C-alpha atoms as a PDB file:
ATOM      1  CA  MET A   1    -176.030-204.292  33.892  1.00  0.00           C
ATOM      2  CA  SER A   2    -173.819-206.212  36.260  1.00  0.00           C
ATOM      3  CA  ALA A   3    -170.590-204.847  37.770  1.00  0.00           C
ATOM      4  CA  PHE A   4    -168.515-207.113  35.514  1.00  0.00           C
ATOM      5  CA  LYS A   5    -170.228-205.794  32.383  1.00  0.00           C
ATOM      6  CA  ARG A   6    -169.799-202.189  33.556  1.00  0.00           C
ATOM      7  CA  LYS A   7    -166.085-202.859  34.119  1.00  0.00           C
ATOM      8  CA  ARG A   8    -165.703-204.437  30.678  1.00  0.00           C
ATOM      9  CA  GLY A   9    -167.538-201.481  29.187  1.00  0.00           C
ATOM     10  CA  ALA A  10    -165.226-199.022  30.953  1.00  0.00           C
ATOM     11  CA  GLN A  11    -162.196-200.914  29.640  1.00  0.00           C
ATOM     12  CA  ALA A  12    -163.598-200.725  26.150  1.00  0.00           C
ATOM     13  CA  HIS A  13    -163.626-196.928  26.358  1.00  0.00           C
ATOM     14  CA  VAL A  14    -159.898-196.740  27.178  1.00  0.00           C
ATOM     15  CA  GLY A  15    -157.939-195.319  24.286  1.00  0.00           C
ATOM     16  CA  LYS A  16    -161.082-194.071  22.475  1.00  0.00           C
ATOM     17  CA  LYS A  17    -162.426-190.600  21.869  1.00  0.00           C
ATOM     18  CA  ALA A  18    -165.559-189.167  23.432  1.00  0.00           C
ATOM     19  CA  LYS A  19    -168.742-190.705  21.962  1.00  0.00           C
ATOM     20  CA  LYS A  20    -172.344-189.643  21.893  1.00  0.00           C
ATOM     21  CA  VAL A  21    -175.172-191.817  23.224  1.00  0.00           C
ATOM     22  CA  LYS A  22    -178.754-191.406  22.063  1.00  0.00           C
ATOM     23  CA  ILE A  23    -181.494-191.676  24.708  1.00  0.00           C
ATOM     24  CA  VAL A  24    -184.672-193.398  23.449  1.00  0.00           C
ATOM     25  CA  ALA A  25    -187.929-193.501  25.396  1.00  0.00           C
ATOM     26  CA  ASP A  26    -189.113-196.863  26.759  1.00  0.00           C
ATOM     27  CA  GLY A  27    -191.106-198.882  24.300  1.00  0.00           C
ATOM     28  CA  GLY A  28    -190.417-196.449  21.497  1.00  0.00           C
ATOM     29  CA  GLU A  29    -188.588-197.177  18.304  1.00  0.00           C
ATOM     30  CA  GLU A  30    -185.556-195.309  17.123  1.00  0.00           C
ATOM     31  CA  ARG A  31    -186.761-192.517  14.825  1.00  0.00           C
ATOM     32  CA  ASP A  32    -184.945-190.267  12.453  1.00  0.00           C
ATOM     33  CA  GLU A  33    -182.627-187.725  14.034  1.00  0.00           C
ATOM     34  CA  THR A  34    -184.523-184.563  14.890  1.00  0.00           C
ATOM     35  CA  GLU A  35    -183.788-181.457  16.852  1.00  0.00           C
ATOM     36  CA  GLN A  36    -185.494-182.867  19.970  1.00  0.00           C
ATOM     37  CA  GLU A  37    -183.354-186.008  19.823  1.00  0.00           C
ATOM     38  CA  ARG A  38    -180.192-183.962  19.512  1.00  0.00           C
ATOM     39  CA  LYS A  39    -181.064-182.290  22.814  1.00  0.00           C
ATOM     40  CA  ASN A  40    -181.392-185.695  24.498  1.00  0.00           C
ATOM     41  CA  GLU A  41    -177.895-186.785  23.460  1.00  0.00           C
ATOM     42  CA  VAL A  42    -175.370-187.185  26.355  1.00  0.00           C
ATOM     43  CA  THR A  43    -171.611-186.958  25.752  1.00  0.00           C
ATOM     44  CA  ILE A  44    -169.447-189.419  27.705  1.00  0.00           C
ATOM     45  CA  PRO A  45    -166.009-187.864  28.443  1.00  0.00           C
ATOM     46  CA  PRO A  46    -162.901-189.795  27.390  1.00  0.00           C
ATOM     47  CA  PRO A  47    -160.716-191.492  30.017  1.00  0.00           C
ATOM     48  CA  VAL A  48    -158.232-189.334  31.938  1.00  0.00           C
ATOM     49  CA  SER A  49    -155.165-191.093  30.558  1.00  0.00           C
ATOM     50  CA  LEU A  50    -154.874-191.983  26.931  1.00  0.00           C
ATOM     51  CA  GLY A  51    -151.228-193.036  27.265  1.00  0.00           C
ATOM     52  CA  LYS A  52    -149.663-196.434  27.528  1.00  0.00           C
ATOM     53  CA  TRP A  53    -147.431-197.777  30.310  1.00  0.00           C
ATOM     54  CA  THR A  54    -144.113-198.279  28.531  1.00  0.00           C
ATOM     55  CA  ASN A  55    -141.464-197.656  31.225  1.00  0.00           C
ATOM     56  CA  LYS A  56    -141.490-200.950  33.128  1.00  0.00           C
ATOM     57  CA  GLU A  57    -139.039-199.945  35.876  1.00  0.00           C
ATOM     58  CA  ARG A  58    -139.596-201.928  39.067  1.00  0.00           C
ATOM     59  CA  VAL A  59    -137.597-201.452  42.262  1.00  0.00           C
ATOM     60  CA  LEU A  60    -137.026-204.183  44.822  1.00  0.00           C
ATOM     61  CA  ILE A  61    -136.690-202.763  48.361  1.00  0.00           C
ATOM     62  CA  PHE A  62    -135.660-205.165  51.118  1.00  0.00           C
ATOM     63  CA  SER A  63    -132.940-205.673  53.742  1.00  0.00           C
ATOM     64  CA  SER A  64    -130.757-208.155  55.553  1.00  0.00           C
ATOM     65  CA  ARG A  65    -131.441-209.538  59.000  1.00  0.00           C
ATOM     66  CA  GLY A  66    -130.411-207.533  62.040  1.00  0.00           C
ATOM     67  CA  ILE A  67    -131.954-204.146  61.164  1.00  0.00           C
ATOM     68  CA  ASN A  68    -133.539-201.979  63.848  1.00  0.00           C
ATOM     69  CA  PHE A  69    -137.007-200.447  63.943  1.00  0.00           C
ATOM     70  CA  ARG A  70    -135.905-197.144  62.371  1.00  0.00           C
ATOM     71  CA  THR A  71    -134.559-198.888  59.268  1.00  0.00           C
ATOM     72  CA  ARG A  72    -137.745-200.938  58.968  1.00  0.00           C
ATOM     73  CA  HIS A  73    -139.865-197.776  59.109  1.00  0.00           C
ATOM     74  CA  LEU A  74    -137.595-196.090  56.540  1.00  0.00           C
ATOM     75  CA  MET A  75    -138.085-198.986  54.107  1.00  0.00           C
ATOM     76  CA  GLN A  76    -141.841-198.805  54.606  1.00  0.00           C
ATOM     77  CA  ASP A  77    -141.804-195.047  53.905  1.00  0.00           C
ATOM     78  CA  LEU A  78    -139.826-195.583  50.691  1.00  0.00           C
ATOM     79  CA  ARG A  79    -142.266-198.263  49.543  1.00  0.00           C
ATOM     80  CA  THR A  80    -145.146-195.885  50.226  1.00  0.00           C
ATOM     81  CA  MET A  81    -143.526-193.081  48.226  1.00  0.00           C
ATOM     82  CA  MET A  82    -142.581-195.350  45.305  1.00  0.00           C
ATOM     83  CA  PRO A  83    -145.654-197.142  43.887  1.00  0.00           C
ATOM     84  CA  HIS A  84    -143.436-199.037  41.413  1.00  0.00           C
ATOM     85  CA  SER A  85    -141.562-200.793  44.256  1.00  0.00           C
ATOM     86  CA  LYS A  86    -141.797-204.368  45.480  1.00  0.00           C
ATOM     87  CA  ALA A  87    -140.969-205.983  48.815  1.00  0.00           C
ATOM     88  CA  ASP A  88    -139.315-209.243  49.752  1.00  0.00           C
ATOM     89  CA  THR A  89    -138.353-211.175  52.876  1.00  0.00           C
ATOM     90  CA  LYS A  90    -135.142-210.396  54.736  1.00  0.00           C
ATOM     91  CA  MET A  91    -132.009-211.968  53.353  1.00  0.00           C
ATOM     92  CA  ASP A  92    -129.757-214.106  55.522  1.00  0.00           C
ATOM     93  CA  ARG A  93    -126.393-212.619  56.447  1.00  0.00           C
ATOM     94  CA  LYS A  94    -124.542-215.752  55.325  1.00  0.00           C
ATOM     95  CA  ASP A  95    -125.756-215.396  51.733  1.00  0.00           C
ATOM     96  CA  LYS A  96    -123.559-213.643  49.210  1.00  0.00           C
ATOM     97  CA  LEU A  97    -124.699-210.379  47.686  1.00  0.00           C
ATOM     98  CA  PHE A  98    -124.735-211.890  44.192  1.00  0.00           C
ATOM     99  CA  VAL A  99    -127.857-213.810  45.243  1.00  0.00           C
ATOM    100  CA  ILE A 100    -129.774-210.508  45.139  1.00  0.00           C
ATOM    101  CA  ASN A 101    -129.537-210.503  41.328  1.00  0.00           C
ATOM    102  CA  GLU A 102    -131.409-213.806  41.249  1.00  0.00           C
ATOM    103  CA  VAL A 103    -134.021-212.448  43.671  1.00  0.00           C
ATOM    104  CA  CYS A 104    -134.517-209.419  41.393  1.00  0.00           C
ATOM    105  CA  GLU A 105    -134.949-211.699  38.405  1.00  0.00           C
ATOM    106  CA  ILE A 106    -137.547-213.780  40.256  1.00  0.00           C
ATOM    107  CA  LYS A 107    -139.412-210.620  41.322  1.00  0.00           C
ATOM    108  CA  ASN A 108    -139.156-209.202  37.764  1.00  0.00           C
ATOM    109  CA  CYS A 109    -137.294-206.112  39.048  1.00  0.00           C
ATOM    110  CA  ASN A 110    -134.471-204.293  37.277  1.00  0.00           C
ATOM    111  CA  LYS A 111    -133.529-201.913  40.131  1.00  0.00           C
ATOM    112  CA  CYS A 112    -132.748-202.735  43.737  1.00  0.00           C
ATOM    113  CA  LEU A 113    -132.437-200.881  47.056  1.00  0.00           C
ATOM    114  CA  PHE A 114    -130.814-203.223  49.577  1.00  0.00           C
ATOM    115  CA  PHE A 115    -130.252-202.190  53.208  1.00  0.00           C
ATOM    116  CA  GLU A 116    -127.421-204.077  54.919  1.00  0.00           C
ATOM    117  CA  ALA A 117    -127.114-203.921  58.723  1.00  0.00           C
ATOM    118  CA  LYS A 118    -123.853-204.612  60.552  1.00  0.00           C
ATOM    119  CA  LYS A 119    -123.226-204.787  64.312  1.00  0.00           C
ATOM    120  CA  LYS A 120    -126.861-203.738  64.854  1.00  0.00           C
ATOM    121  CA  GLN A 121    -125.809-200.094  64.638  1.00  0.00           C
ATOM    122  CA  ASP A 122    -124.315-199.462  61.179  1.00  0.00           C
ATOM    123  CA  LEU A 123    -126.602-199.291  58.131  1.00  0.00           C
ATOM    124  CA  TYR A 124    -125.356-199.561  54.544  1.00  0.00           C
ATOM    125  CA  MET A 125    -127.502-199.042  51.434  1.00  0.00           C
ATOM    126  CA  TRP A 126    -126.842-200.623  48.042  1.00  0.00           C
ATOM    127  CA  ILE A 127    -128.439-199.135  44.933  1.00  0.00           C
ATOM    128  CA  SER A 128    -128.007-201.316  41.890  1.00  0.00           C
ATOM    129  CA  ASN A 129    -129.056-201.728  38.276  1.00  0.00           C
ATOM    130  CA  SER A 130    -129.704-205.451  38.129  1.00  0.00           C
ATOM    131  CA  PRO A 131    -128.266-207.614  36.692  1.00  0.00           C
ATOM    132  CA  HIS A 132    -125.578-205.832  34.652  1.00  0.00           C
ATOM    133  CA  GLY A 133    -124.697-202.906  36.941  1.00  0.00           C
ATOM    134  CA  PRO A 134    -123.477-200.415  37.908  1.00  0.00           C
ATOM    135  CA  SER A 135    -124.030-200.356  41.668  1.00  0.00           C
ATOM    136  CA  ALA A 136    -123.090-198.045  44.529  1.00  0.00           C
ATOM    137  CA  LYS A 137    -122.645-198.596  48.253  1.00  0.00           C
ATOM    138  CA  PHE A 138    -123.506-195.896  50.805  1.00  0.00           C
ATOM    139  CA  LEU A 139    -123.353-195.471  54.554  1.00  0.00           C
ATOM    140  CA  VAL A 140    -126.767-194.224  55.735  1.00  0.00           C
ATOM    141  CA  GLN A 141    -126.677-191.626  58.512  1.00  0.00           C
ATOM    142  CA  ASN A 142    -129.114-189.303  60.318  1.00  0.00           C
ATOM    143  CA  ILE A 143    -132.277-191.278  59.562  1.00  0.00           C
ATOM    144  CA  HIS A 144    -135.602-189.606  60.397  1.00  0.00           C
ATOM    145  CA  THR A 145    -138.797-191.398  59.369  1.00  0.00           C
ATOM    146  CA  LEU A 146    -142.274-190.065  58.636  1.00  0.00           C
ATOM    147  CA  ALA A 147    -143.647-191.112  62.024  1.00  0.00           C
ATOM    148  CA  GLU A 148    -140.722-189.472  63.794  1.00  0.00           C
ATOM    149  CA  LEU A 149    -140.657-186.086  62.058  1.00  0.00           C
ATOM    150  CA  LYS A 150    -144.319-185.016  62.477  1.00  0.00           C
ATOM    151  CA  MET A 151    -144.038-182.586  59.566  1.00  0.00           C
ATOM    152  CA  THR A 152    -146.983-180.552  58.278  1.00  0.00           C
ATOM    153  CA  GLY A 153    -146.444-181.498  54.633  1.00  0.00           C
ATOM    154  CA  ASN A 154    -148.630-184.067  52.893  1.00  0.00           C
ATOM    155  CA  CYS A 155    -149.037-185.460  49.400  1.00  0.00           C
ATOM    156  CA  LEU A 156    -151.276-187.842  47.499  1.00  0.00           C
ATOM    157  CA  LYS A 157    -150.283-191.483  47.826  1.00  0.00           C
ATOM    158  CA  GLY A 158    -149.000-192.796  44.511  1.00  0.00           C
ATOM    159  CA  SER A 159    -148.458-189.394  42.917  1.00  0.00           C
ATOM    160  CA  ARG A 160    -145.404-188.924  40.717  1.00  0.00           C
ATOM    161  CA  PRO A 161    -142.538-186.853  42.186  1.00  0.00           C
ATOM    162  CA  LEU A 162    -140.210-184.301  40.684  1.00  0.00           C
ATOM    163  CA  LEU A 163    -136.489-184.971  41.146  1.00  0.00           C
ATOM    164  CA  SER A 164    -134.285-182.018  42.040  1.00  0.00           C
ATOM    165  CA  PHE A 165    -130.498-182.442  41.911  1.00  0.00           C
ATOM    166  CA  ASP A 166    -127.712-180.217  43.134  1.00  0.00           C
ATOM    167  CA  PRO A 167    -125.676-178.518  40.332  1.00  0.00           C
ATOM    168  CA  LYS A 168    -122.595-180.364  41.612  1.00  0.00           C
ATOM    169  CA  PHE A 169    -124.026-183.595  40.167  1.00  0.00           C
ATOM    170  CA  ASP A 170    -123.071-182.367  36.678  1.00  0.00           C
ATOM    171  CA  GLN A 171    -119.541-181.301  37.585  1.00  0.00           C
ATOM    172  CA  GLU A 172    -117.928-184.670  38.392  1.00  0.00           C
ATOM    173  CA  PRO A 173    -118.349-187.986  36.546  1.00  0.00           C
ATOM    174  CA  HIS A 174    -119.099-190.178  39.584  1.00  0.00           C
ATOM    175  CA  TYR A 175    -121.863-187.780  40.679  1.00  0.00           C
ATOM    176  CA  ALA A 176    -123.278-187.834  37.132  1.00  0.00           C
ATOM    177  CA  LEU A 177    -123.434-191.639  37.310  1.00  0.00           C
ATOM    178  CA  LEU A 178    -125.204-191.472  40.693  1.00  0.00           C
ATOM    179  CA  LYS A 179    -127.656-188.918  39.281  1.00  0.00           C
ATOM    180  CA  GLU A 180    -128.649-191.335  36.517  1.00  0.00           C
ATOM    181  CA  LEU A 181    -129.024-194.165  39.049  1.00  0.00           C
ATOM    182  CA  PHE A 182    -131.219-192.023  41.325  1.00  0.00           C
ATOM    183  CA  THR A 183    -133.308-190.833  38.383  1.00  0.00           C
ATOM    184  CA  GLN A 184    -134.085-194.334  37.148  1.00  0.00           C
ATOM    185  CA  THR A 185    -134.709-195.683  40.662  1.00  0.00           C
ATOM    186  CA  PHE A 186    -136.749-192.990  42.434  1.00  0.00           C
ATOM    187  CA  SER A 187    -138.797-191.627  39.516  1.00  0.00           C
ATOM    188  CA  THR A 188    -142.238-193.187  39.152  1.00  0.00           C
ATOM    189  CA  PRO A 189    -142.895-194.405  35.576  1.00  0.00           C
ATOM    190  CA  ARG A 190    -145.573-192.556  33.683  1.00  0.00           C
ATOM    191  CA  TYR A 191    -148.957-194.281  33.384  1.00  0.00           C
ATOM    192  CA  HIS A 192    -147.967-196.831  36.030  1.00  0.00           C
ATOM    193  CA  PRO A 193    -151.106-198.717  37.180  1.00  0.00           C
ATOM    194  CA  LYS A 194    -150.524-197.898  40.862  1.00  0.00           C
ATOM    195  CA  SER A 195    -149.552-194.260  40.284  1.00  0.00           C
ATOM    196  CA  GLN A 196    -151.741-191.176  40.223  1.00  0.00           C
ATOM    197  CA  PRO A 197    -151.552-188.639  37.361  1.00  0.00           C
ATOM    198  CA  PHE A 198    -150.556-185.798  39.675  1.00  0.00           C
ATOM    199  CA  VAL A 199    -147.277-184.093  40.604  1.00  0.00           C
ATOM    200  CA  ASP A 200    -147.480-182.619  44.103  1.00  0.00           C
ATOM    201  CA  HIS A 201    -144.117-183.364  45.756  1.00  0.00           C
ATOM    202  CA  VAL A 202    -140.408-183.214  44.973  1.00  0.00           C
ATOM    203  CA  PHE A 203    -137.393-185.334  45.946  1.00  0.00           C
ATOM    204  CA  THR A 204    -134.230-183.258  46.481  1.00  0.00           C
ATOM    205  CA  PHE A 205    -130.684-184.609  46.372  1.00  0.00           C
ATOM    206  CA  THR A 206    -128.194-182.065  47.728  1.00  0.00           C
ATOM    207  CA  ILE A 207    -124.413-182.439  48.036  1.00  0.00           C
ATOM    208  CA  ALA A 208    -122.871-180.947  51.179  1.00  0.00           C
ATOM    209  CA  ASP A 209    -119.845-182.013  53.208  1.00  0.00           C
ATOM    210  CA  ASN A 210    -119.077-184.777  50.644  1.00  0.00           C
ATOM    211  CA  ARG A 211    -122.432-186.384  51.411  1.00  0.00           C
ATOM    212  CA  ILE A 212    -125.789-186.623  49.628  1.00  0.00           C
ATOM    213  CA  TRP A 213    -128.723-185.237  51.630  1.00  0.00           C
ATOM    214  CA  PHE A 214    -132.194-186.570  50.737  1.00  0.00           C
ATOM    215  CA  ARG A 215    -135.353-184.549  51.447  1.00  0.00           C
ATOM    216  CA  ASN A 216    -139.007-184.872  50.405  1.00  0.00           C
ATOM    217  CA  TYR A 217    -141.101-181.689  50.049  1.00  0.00           C
ATOM    218  CA  GLN A 218    -144.727-180.972  49.233  1.00  0.00           C
ATOM    219  CA  ILE A 219    -145.471-178.415  46.501  1.00  0.00           C
ATOM    220  CA  ILE A 220    -148.221-176.063  47.678  1.00  0.00           C
ATOM    221  CA  GLU A 221    -150.450-175.011  44.789  1.00  0.00           C
ATOM    222  CA  GLU A 222    -151.158-171.458  45.924  1.00  0.00           C
ATOM    223  CA  ASP A 223    -147.647-170.000  45.852  1.00  0.00           C
ATOM    224  CA  ALA A 224    -145.544-173.032  44.850  1.00  0.00           C
ATOM    225  CA  SER A 225    -143.747-172.976  48.207  1.00  0.00           C
ATOM    226  CA  LEU A 226    -142.251-176.136  49.697  1.00  0.00           C
ATOM    227  CA  VAL A 227    -143.217-177.852  52.958  1.00  0.00           C
ATOM    228  CA  GLU A 228    -141.204-180.848  54.104  1.00  0.00           C
ATOM    229  CA  ILE A 229    -142.973-184.202  54.348  1.00  0.00           C
ATOM    230  CA  GLY A 230    -140.230-186.705  55.188  1.00  0.00           C
ATOM    231  CA  PRO A 231    -138.436-189.024  55.489  1.00  0.00           C
ATOM    232  CA  ARG A 232    -134.899-187.622  55.522  1.00  0.00           C
ATOM    233  CA  PHE A 233    -131.500-189.305  55.527  1.00  0.00           C
ATOM    234  CA  VAL A 234    -127.890-188.719  54.514  1.00  0.00           C
ATOM    235  CA  LEU A 235    -125.901-190.938  52.139  1.00  0.00           C
ATOM    236  CA  ASN A 236    -122.132-191.140  52.511  1.00  0.00           C
ATOM    237  CA  LEU A 237    -120.678-192.659  49.346  1.00  0.00           C
ATOM    238  CA  ILE A 238    -118.183-195.509  49.827  1.00  0.00           C
ATOM    239  CA  LYS A 239    -117.630-197.131  46.420  1.00  0.00           C
ATOM    240  CA  ILE A 240    -119.102-197.412  42.944  1.00  0.00           C
ATOM    241  CA  PHE A 241    -118.827-200.818  41.245  1.00  0.00           C
ATOM    242  CA  GLN A 242    -119.080-201.665  37.582  1.00  0.00           C
ATOM    243  CA  GLY A 243    -121.209-204.763  38.136  1.00  0.00           C
ATOM    244  CA  SER A 244    -124.299-205.389  40.207  1.00  0.00           C
ATOM    245  CA  PHE A 245    -123.246-205.877  43.862  1.00  0.00           C
ATOM    246  CA  GLY A 246    -119.611-206.340  42.911  1.00  0.00           C
ATOM    247  CA  GLY A 247    -117.128-206.201  40.088  1.00  0.00           C
ATOM    248  CA  PRO A 248    -114.332-203.721  39.318  1.00  0.00           C
ATOM    249  CA  THR A 249    -114.277-200.551  41.391  1.00  0.00           C
ATOM    250  CA  LEU A 250    -115.096-197.453  39.345  1.00  0.00           C
ATOM    251  CA  TYR A 251    -114.746-194.928  42.171  1.00  0.00           C
ATOM    252  CA  GLU A 252    -113.696-194.995  45.824  1.00  0.00           C
ATOM    253  CA  ASN A 253    -114.364-192.120  48.172  1.00  0.00           C
ATOM    254  CA  PRO A 254    -110.989-190.954  49.617  1.00  0.00           C
ATOM    255  CA  THR A 255    -112.636-188.986  52.438  1.00  0.00           C
ATOM    256  CA  PHE A 256    -114.758-191.866  53.722  1.00  0.00           C
ATOM    257  CA  LEU A 257    -114.104-192.954  57.303  1.00  0.00           C
ATOM    258  CA  SER A 258    -115.537-196.272  58.417  1.00  0.00           C
ATOM    259  CA  PRO A 259    -117.779-196.279  61.511  1.00  0.00           C
ATOM    260  CA  ASN A 260    -115.307-198.530  63.342  1.00  0.00           C
ATOM    261  CA  MET A 261    -112.480-196.030  62.835  1.00  0.00           C
ATOM    262  CA  HIS A 262    -114.789-193.174  63.811  1.00  0.00           C
ATOM    263  CA  ARG A 263    -115.736-194.883  67.071  1.00  0.00           C
ATOM    264  CA  ARG A 264    -112.046-195.673  67.692  1.00  0.00           C
ATOM    265  CA  GLU A 265    -111.122-192.011  67.289  1.00  0.00           C
ATOM    266  CA  ILE A 266    -113.887-191.046  69.710  1.00  0.00           C
ATOM    267  CA  ARG A 267    -112.560-193.516  72.297  1.00  0.00           C
ATOM    268  CA  LEU A 268    -108.980-192.275  71.839  1.00  0.00           C
ATOM    269  CA  ALA A 269    -110.129-188.670  72.214  1.00  0.00           C
ATOM    270  CA  ALA A 270    -112.021-189.545  75.404  1.00  0.00           C
ATOM    271  CA  ALA A 271    -108.960-191.371  76.797  1.00  0.00           C
ATOM    272  CA  ALA A 272    -106.764-188.374  75.957  1.00  0.00           C
ATOM    273  CA  ARG A 273    -109.159-186.072  77.820  1.00  0.00           C
ATOM    274  CA  VAL A 274    -109.032-188.368  80.873  1.00  0.00           C
ATOM    275  CA  ARG A 275    -105.225-188.426  80.784  1.00  0.00           C
ATOM    276  CA  GLU A 276    -105.141-184.655  80.509  1.00  0.00           C
ATOM    277  CA  LYS A 277    -107.395-184.298  83.554  1.00  0.00           C
ATOM    278  CA  GLN A 278    -105.139-186.641  85.538  1.00  0.00           C
ATOM    279  CA  MET A 279    -102.043-184.627  84.576  1.00  0.00           C
ATOM    280  CA  VAL A 280    -103.770-181.398  85.640  1.00  0.00           C
ATOM    281  CA  LYS A 281    -104.640-182.945  89.005  1.00  0.00           C
ATOM    282  CA  GLU A 282    -101.043-184.080  89.524  1.00  0.00           C
ATOM    283  CA  MET A 283     -99.708-180.620  88.664  1.00  0.00           C
ATOM    284  CA  GLN A 284    -102.140-179.034  91.106  1.00  0.00           C
ATOM    285  CA  LYS A 285    -101.038-181.475  93.817  1.00  0.00           C
ATOM    286  CA  LEU A 286     -97.345-180.591  93.247  1.00  0.00           C
ATOM    287  CA  LYS A 287     -98.163-176.899  93.442  1.00  0.00           C
ATOM    288  CA  ARG A 288     -99.945-177.407  96.739  1.00  0.00           C
ATOM    289  CA  VAL A 289     -96.886-179.251  98.222  1.00  0.00           C
ATOM    290  CA  ASP A 290     -94.545-176.436  97.119  1.00  0.00           C
ATOM    291  CA  ALA A 291     -96.817-173.854  98.646  1.00  0.00           C
ATOM    292  CA  LYS A 292     -96.860-175.698 101.988  1.00  0.00           C
ATOM    293  CA  GLU A 293     -93.051-175.836 102.096  1.00  0.00           C
ATOM    294  CA  ASP A 294     -92.781-172.098 101.515  1.00  0.00           C
ATOM    295  CA  LEU A 295     -95.287-171.251 104.236  1.00  0.00           C
ATOM    296  CA  SER A 296     -93.556-173.391 106.902  1.00  0.00           C
ATOM    297  CA  ARG A 297     -90.800-170.708 107.261  1.00  0.00           C
ATOM    298  CA  ASP A 298     -91.975-167.213 108.149  1.00  0.00           C
ATOM    299  CA  VAL A 299     -90.055-164.597 106.214  1.00  0.00           C
ATOM    300  CA  THR A 300     -90.989-161.778 108.637  1.00  0.00           C
ATOM    301  CA  ALA A 301     -89.769-163.644 111.755  1.00  0.00           C
ATOM    302  CA  ASP A 302     -86.287-161.957 111.717  1.00  0.00           C
ATOM    303  CA  VAL A 303     -87.491-158.397 111.267  1.00  0.00           C
ATOM    304  CA  PHE A 304     -87.115-157.352 114.954  1.00  0.00           C
ATOM    305  CA  LEU A 305     -83.895-159.255 115.673  1.00  0.00           C
ATOM    306  CA  THR A 306     -80.923-156.899 116.370  1.00  0.00           C
ATOM    307  CA  PRO A 307     -77.335-158.110 116.310  1.00  0.00           C
ATOM    308  CA  ALA A 308     -75.697-158.154 119.834  1.00  0.00           C
ATOM    309  CA  ASP A 309     -72.082-157.071 120.681  1.00  0.00           C
ATOM    310  CA  GLU A 310     -69.615-159.851 120.632  1.00  0.00           C
ATOM    311  CA  LYS A 311     -68.241-160.671 124.112  1.00  0.00           C
ATOM    312  CA  PRO A 312     -64.797-162.179 124.673  1.00  0.00           C
ATOM    313  CA  VAL A 313     -64.801-165.776 125.721  1.00  0.00           C
ATOM    314  CA  HIS A 314     -63.619-166.114 129.410  1.00  0.00           C
ATOM    315  CA  ILE A 315     -62.222-169.445 130.407  1.00  0.00           C
ATOM    316  CA  GLU A 316     -61.880-170.098 134.174  1.00  0.00           C
ATOM    317  CA  THR A 317     -58.833-172.132 135.091  1.00  0.00           C
ATOM    318  CA  GLU A 318     -59.370-172.063 138.898  1.00  0.00           C
ATOM    319  CA  ALA A 319     -62.241-173.316 140.929  1.00  0.00           C
ATOM    320  CA  PRO A 320     -64.582-170.647 142.214  1.00  0.00           C
ATOM    321  CA  GLU A 321     -64.462-169.656 145.864  1.00  0.00           C
ATOM    322  CA  PRO A 322     -67.106-171.183 148.082  1.00  0.00           C
ATOM    323  CA  LYS A 323     -69.920-168.878 149.121  1.00  0.00           C
ATOM    324  CA  ILE A 324     -70.312-168.066 152.938  1.00  0.00           C
ATOM    325  CA  VAL A 325     -73.794-168.837 154.115  1.00  0.00           C
ATOM    326  CA  LYS A 326     -74.896-167.098 157.409  1.00  0.00           C
ATOM    327  CA  LYS A 327     -76.879-169.355 159.696  1.00  0.00           C
ATOM    328  CA  ASN A 328     -79.663-167.473 161.476  1.00  0.00           C
ATOM    329  CA  LYS A 329     -80.924-168.474 164.858  1.00  0.00           C
ATOM    330  CA  HIS A 330     -84.074-170.342 165.051  1.00  0.00           C
ATOM    331  CA  LYS A 331     -86.935-167.945 165.186  1.00  0.00           C
ATOM    332  CA  ALA A 332     -89.745-168.759 167.551  1.00  0.00           C
ATOM    333  CA  PHE A 333     -93.135-169.223 166.159  1.00  0.00           C
ATOM    334  CA  LYS A 334     -95.511-166.380 166.375  1.00  0.00           C
ATOM    335  CA  ARG A 335     -97.536-168.194 169.033  1.00  0.00           C
ATOM    336  CA  GLN A 336     -94.508-168.502 171.279  1.00  0.00           C
ATOM    337  CA  ARG A 337     -93.645-164.822 170.816  1.00  0.00           C
ATOM    338  CA  MET A 338     -97.094-163.829 171.806  1.00  0.00           C
ATOM    339  CA  ALA A 339     -96.864-165.997 174.952  1.00  0.00           C
ATOM    340  CA  ARG A 340     -93.669-164.349 176.090  1.00  0.00           C
ATOM    341  CA  ARG A 341     -95.322-161.020 176.040  1.00  0.00           C
END
């Protein structure tokens, strides 16, 4: 039997129960069923999956131009983890975001993950239900890819993940909306052709510091402990829109600070530190000048000075008498005195 016939035969068994096949010797004719023939019967097991692929969720994952290598690796990791995803070429920055709905329709996708790069350093992620909405815009921070983390965890490629959400997702309405978006986007549909019928890893979405922290863990069979696989990133919510990539604003994060304002605050803080250092130097210089002025006058110099008696002032009205100078005779030199002797 050729490979094509074997494939057609395998497809014929899908959706059927196990069947028995009777083995007949070569050249012999099929006889009545006896005990010996029952022993020669071989049971072919039914296919692993008897279900039907009904959830046709497809996710389009692509980006705009200007992304760096880390974002490109993150997109590749997400496509690897999500077998129901599709890829597309980078979108031009001049195009409007509404064009993405048409791209999703061409690619036959009803969910979209779009990574938008700005200034070659800021990364924004759009998650949208195309074409009717809603959609949400996030600022992506602290990206660590699979190749960068070097974690010990591992899972089967194409296996279906569990989704674990923080209890805070059920406390506020905008988090409940994001939970539904994440569930429909990141969960692999059951009986998907590219998926495997196994559950060996879990996606966790945790809320901390008004941000959503994404982690991917492997479930170890022995004790059900978790070992991180990767990738990991943090989503800072900006806005939630009613439509797909636009429309009325349903929610706006009041605590969000744009990257431009954050960098501006960092520059202002650095300038303030420089000004403070300059002021400290000037104060130290003034202190040194004051110290020099104090040391120029010795405080202990007048310790041994005693006050003298005051003398009356004598004013001479007459000229002083001339002094009498006695003129001595010329003395002979010693040589002459010796000669006279």
